[in-house]
């Protein structure tokens, strides 16, 4: 084999640069499935007790205490908390559009379908589950009332998808362990901030926030793992046909 042949072979199998899936979930299927199962189980437990009414009093007490605190808070605190709404909605939409167009332009089809499937799935999950449980919202701050159902929190599903995707694509590109840890911590803190802001503003009960978070984790893991597995099988079949 000549030097030119070796170079050509390496070039053929070299992955193009840019943001790409690190295939972490498909390389660790047991951990991925465990996260999916735990997320679904926690959501199921919350949904069961919600239907039984066992969590109502605790939820109401927590919401009332937060409402009292929020009413007494200065305007700048309310504005900071309101930012969680915009990050979780407008930021989520913008992130999806930017990532989708980027992957489409780069022809990273696996990653492109991850964005499409996750975002479409979020809408289906949110609309169907909120309609199914039809839970009324807690008392919100004046001017921030929302009429549609509360359980689970759509903002939390969205924020887990948004920051989960960004971390999944970006963190493997960071060389230092400290940098990786900082990026993961930032993603987690932003998700927690959005959840707390929704609770603070009276848009959700705390169980709505928890349910949306664990459901988001389960959905992200399920969608990414499935797409990575399908992509791997298609890739192997294509190589065999060659």
Protein backbone atom coordinates (compact mmCIF):
# COMPACT_ATOMS: atom_id res chain seq x y z
CA UNK A 1 0.00 0.00 0.00
CA UNK A 2 1.48 3.34 -1.05
CA UNK A 3 1.64 6.48 1.05
CA UNK A 4 -0.96 8.12 -1.20
CA UNK A 5 -3.32 5.20 -0.72
CA UNK A 6 -2.98 5.38 3.07
CA UNK A 7 -3.60 9.15 3.02
CA UNK A 8 -6.66 8.71 0.81
CA UNK A 9 -8.01 5.98 3.09
CA UNK A 10 -7.60 8.18 6.18
CA UNK A 11 -9.23 11.11 4.42
CA UNK A 12 -12.15 8.89 3.42
CA UNK A 13 -12.85 7.82 7.00
CA UNK A 14 -12.07 11.16 8.66
CA UNK A 15 -15.11 12.80 10.21
CA UNK A 16 -15.91 16.31 8.98
CA UNK A 17 -15.37 19.11 11.48
CA UNK A 18 -18.08 20.96 13.33
CA UNK A 19 -20.69 20.11 15.91
CA UNK A 20 -21.58 16.45 15.69
CA UNK A 21 -23.06 13.78 17.88
CA UNK A 22 -20.34 12.09 19.96
CA UNK A 23 -22.45 8.88 19.97
CA UNK A 24 -22.08 8.69 23.74
CA UNK A 25 -25.54 7.27 24.38
CA UNK A 26 -25.26 4.46 21.84
CA UNK A 27 -21.82 3.59 23.25
CA UNK A 28 -23.31 3.33 26.73
CA UNK A 29 -26.78 1.86 26.07
CA UNK A 30 -27.26 0.49 29.60
CA UNK A 31 -26.76 3.91 31.18
CA UNK A 32 -28.96 5.52 28.53
CA UNK A 33 -31.82 3.06 29.05
CA UNK A 34 -31.49 3.46 32.83
CA UNK A 35 -31.94 7.22 32.52
CA UNK A 36 -34.98 6.72 30.30
CA UNK A 37 -36.56 4.26 32.72
CA UNK A 38 -35.87 6.44 35.78
CA UNK A 39 -37.29 9.52 34.04
CA UNK A 40 -40.46 7.70 32.99
CA UNK A 41 -40.86 6.12 36.43
CA UNK A 42 -40.58 9.45 38.28
CA UNK A 43 -43.02 11.05 35.86
CA UNK A 44 -45.40 8.12 36.26
CA UNK A 45 -45.27 8.30 40.07
CA UNK A 46 -45.97 12.05 40.03
CA UNK A 47 -48.80 11.59 37.54
CA UNK A 48 -50.34 8.79 39.63
CA UNK A 49 -50.31 10.76 42.87
CA UNK A 50 -51.53 13.85 41.04
CA UNK A 51 -54.56 11.93 39.78
CA UNK A 52 -55.16 10.59 43.30
CA UNK A 53 -54.96 14.12 44.72
CA UNK A 54 -52.25 13.11 47.18
CA UNK A 55 -49.91 15.93 46.19
CA UNK A 56 -52.49 18.73 46.03
CA UNK A 57 -52.15 20.08 49.55
CA UNK A 58 -48.36 20.02 49.49
CA UNK A 59 -48.32 21.67 46.08
CA UNK A 60 -50.83 24.35 47.13
CA UNK A 61 -48.87 25.17 50.29
CA UNK A 62 -45.59 25.47 48.38
CA UNK A 63 -47.21 27.61 45.68
CA UNK A 64 -48.87 29.92 48.20
CA UNK A 65 -45.61 30.48 50.07
CA UNK A 66 -43.80 31.26 46.85
CA UNK A 67 -46.60 33.56 45.73
CA UNK A 68 -46.32 35.56 48.95
CA UNK A 69 -42.55 35.81 48.52
CA UNK A 70 -42.86 36.81 44.85
CA UNK A 71 -45.41 39.56 45.60
CA UNK A 72 -43.05 41.07 48.18
CA UNK A 73 -40.01 40.88 45.88
CA UNK A 74 -38.59 44.02 44.21
CA UNK A 75 -39.32 44.69 40.54
CA UNK A 76 -35.81 43.76 39.38
CA UNK A 77 -36.14 40.28 40.87
CA UNK A 78 -39.41 39.77 39.02
CA UNK A 79 -37.75 40.92 35.80
CA UNK A 80 -34.89 38.46 36.29
CA UNK A 81 -37.37 35.66 36.91
CA UNK A 82 -39.36 36.70 33.84
CA UNK A 83 -36.21 36.14 31.80
CA UNK A 84 -36.64 32.42 32.48
CA UNK A 85 -39.86 32.51 30.45
CA UNK A 86 -38.14 34.06 27.42
CA UNK A 87 -35.10 31.78 27.61
CA UNK A 88 -37.34 28.72 27.87
CA UNK A 89 -39.56 29.75 24.96
CA UNK A 90 -37.93 32.22 22.56
CA UNK A 91 -34.45 30.87 23.35
CA UNK A 92 -35.69 27.34 22.74
CA UNK A 93 -37.17 28.26 19.37
CA UNK A 94 -34.08 30.21 18.30
CA UNK A 95 -31.76 27.36 19.32
CA UNK A 96 -33.79 24.86 17.32
CA UNK A 97 -33.78 27.04 14.21
CA UNK A 98 -30.05 27.79 14.44
CA UNK A 99 -29.06 24.16 15.07
CA UNK A 100 -31.45 22.89 12.40
CA UNK A 101 -30.13 25.27 9.74
CA UNK A 102 -26.52 24.58 10.76
CA UNK A 103 -26.90 20.82 10.46
CA UNK A 104 -28.86 21.18 7.22
CA UNK A 105 -26.14 23.39 5.72
CA UNK A 106 -23.38 21.01 6.88
CA UNK A 107 -25.44 17.98 5.78
CA UNK A 108 -25.12 16.38 9.18
CA UNK A 109 -28.30 14.40 8.73
CA UNK A 110 -28.15 12.41 11.96
CA UNK A 111 -27.86 15.58 14.03
CA UNK A 112 -30.47 17.34 11.90
CA UNK A 113 -33.01 14.60 12.59
CA UNK A 114 -32.18 14.73 16.29
CA UNK A 115 -33.29 18.36 16.37
CA UNK A 116 -36.41 17.71 14.26
CA UNK A 117 -37.53 14.65 16.22
CA UNK A 118 -36.85 16.20 19.64
CA UNK A 119 -38.67 19.43 18.84
CA UNK A 120 -41.69 17.79 17.20
CA UNK A 121 -41.86 15.27 20.04
CA UNK A 122 -41.81 18.06 22.61
CA UNK A 123 -44.89 19.62 21.05
CA UNK A 124 -46.73 16.29 20.91
CA UNK A 125 -45.85 15.41 24.51
CA UNK A 126 -46.78 18.83 25.86
CA UNK A 127 -50.11 19.18 24.04
CA UNK A 128 -51.31 15.65 24.74
CA UNK A 129 -50.20 15.38 28.37
CA UNK A 130 -51.44 18.82 29.44
CA UNK A 131 -54.80 18.04 27.81
CA UNK A 132 -54.91 14.62 29.48
CA UNK A 133 -54.24 15.87 33.03
CA UNK A 134 -55.95 19.27 32.54
CA UNK A 135 -54.49 20.67 35.76
CA UNK A 136 -55.37 24.25 36.60
CA UNK A 137 -52.51 26.69 37.13
CA UNK A 138 -51.62 28.11 40.55
CA UNK A 139 -52.19 31.77 41.35
CA UNK A 140 -49.72 33.73 39.22
CA UNK A 141 -48.29 37.19 39.73
CA UNK A 142 -50.62 39.92 38.45
CA UNK A 143 -50.22 40.31 34.71
CA UNK A 144 -48.63 36.90 34.17
CA UNK A 145 -51.70 34.67 34.32
CA UNK A 146 -51.82 31.68 31.95
CA UNK A 147 -55.03 29.88 31.02
CA UNK A 148 -53.92 26.56 29.49
CA UNK A 149 -53.20 23.49 31.68
CA UNK A 150 -50.17 23.19 33.93
CA UNK A 151 -48.93 19.58 34.15
CA UNK A 152 -46.25 18.87 33.02
CA UNK A 153 -44.25 22.07 32.45
CA UNK A 154 -43.61 22.58 28.74
CA UNK A 155 -40.86 25.06 29.54
CA UNK A 156 -38.96 22.38 31.44
CA UNK A 157 -39.22 19.83 28.63
CA UNK A 158 -38.02 22.53 26.24
CA UNK A 159 -35.13 23.68 28.44
CA UNK A 160 -33.84 20.12 28.92
CA UNK A 161 -33.97 19.60 25.14
CA UNK A 162 -32.28 22.94 24.41
CA UNK A 163 -29.44 22.79 26.91
CA UNK A 164 -29.16 19.02 26.68
CA UNK A 165 -28.54 19.21 22.94
CA UNK A 166 -26.09 22.09 23.26
CA UNK A 167 -24.13 20.29 25.97
CA UNK A 168 -24.18 17.01 24.04
CA UNK A 169 -22.72 18.62 20.93
CA UNK A 170 -20.37 21.16 22.53
CA UNK A 171 -18.92 19.51 25.65
CA UNK A 172 -16.99 16.78 23.72
CA UNK A 173 -15.30 19.57 21.74
CA UNK A 174 -13.85 21.09 24.94
CA UNK A 175 -10.35 19.78 25.65
CA UNK A 176 -9.97 20.36 29.40
CA UNK A 177 -11.88 18.51 32.11
CA UNK A 178 -12.48 21.76 33.95
CA UNK A 179 -13.98 23.27 30.83
CA UNK A 180 -16.22 20.25 30.30
CA UNK A 181 -17.38 20.38 33.93
CA UNK A 182 -18.05 24.12 33.71
CA UNK A 183 -20.12 23.72 30.53
CA UNK A 184 -22.20 20.91 32.02
CA UNK A 185 -22.70 22.85 35.26
CA UNK A 186 -23.80 25.93 33.30
CA UNK A 187 -26.35 23.89 31.35
CA UNK A 188 -27.74 22.36 34.55
CA UNK A 189 -27.92 25.74 36.31
CA UNK A 190 -29.78 27.31 33.38
CA UNK A 191 -32.34 24.50 33.41
CA UNK A 192 -32.77 24.93 37.17
CA UNK A 193 -33.11 28.70 36.75
CA UNK A 194 -35.89 28.29 34.22
CA UNK A 195 -37.68 25.84 36.50
CA UNK A 196 -37.38 28.09 39.53
CA UNK A 197 -38.51 31.12 37.53
CA UNK A 198 -41.68 29.32 36.40
CA UNK A 199 -42.42 28.38 40.00
CA UNK A 200 -41.59 31.89 41.24
CA UNK A 201 -43.91 33.56 38.72
CA UNK A 202 -46.77 31.25 39.67
CA UNK A 203 -46.90 29.62 36.24
CA UNK A 204 -46.45 26.11 37.66
CA UNK A 205 -46.60 24.00 40.78
CA UNK A 206 -43.30 22.47 41.83
CA UNK A 207 -44.48 19.00 40.73
CA UNK A 208 -45.18 20.40 37.24
CA UNK A 209 -41.56 21.55 37.08
CA UNK A 210 -40.15 18.23 38.31
CA UNK A 211 -42.38 16.23 35.96
CA UNK A 212 -41.37 18.33 32.96
CA UNK A 213 -37.69 17.97 33.83
CA UNK A 214 -37.62 14.18 34.18
CA UNK A 215 -39.85 13.76 31.13
CA UNK A 216 -37.48 15.98 29.17
CA UNK A 217 -34.48 13.89 30.25
CA UNK A 218 -36.23 10.65 29.27
CA UNK A 219 -37.32 12.05 25.91
CA UNK A 220 -33.87 13.45 25.04
CA UNK A 221 -32.16 10.16 25.91
CA UNK A 222 -34.75 8.07 24.03
CA UNK A 223 -34.68 10.19 20.88
CA UNK A 224 -30.90 10.55 20.67
CA UNK A 225 -30.23 6.89 21.50
CA UNK A 226 -32.77 5.70 18.90
CA UNK A 227 -31.38 7.96 16.15
CA UNK A 228 -27.79 6.97 16.94
CA UNK A 229 -28.71 3.28 16.80
CA UNK A 230 -30.59 3.65 13.52
CA UNK A 231 -27.77 5.74 12.04
CA UNK A 232 -25.21 3.12 13.05
CA UNK A 233 -27.19 0.29 11.43
CA UNK A 234 -27.71 2.29 8.23
CA UNK A 235 -24.00 3.13 8.15
CA UNK A 236 -22.95 -0.52 8.56
CA UNK A 237 -25.39 -1.62 5.85
CA UNK A 238 -24.02 1.03 3.51
CA UNK A 239 -20.44 -0.10 4.17
CA UNK A 240 -21.37 -3.75 3.52
CA UNK A 241 -23.04 -2.86 0.22
CA UNK A 242 -19.81 -1.14 -0.86
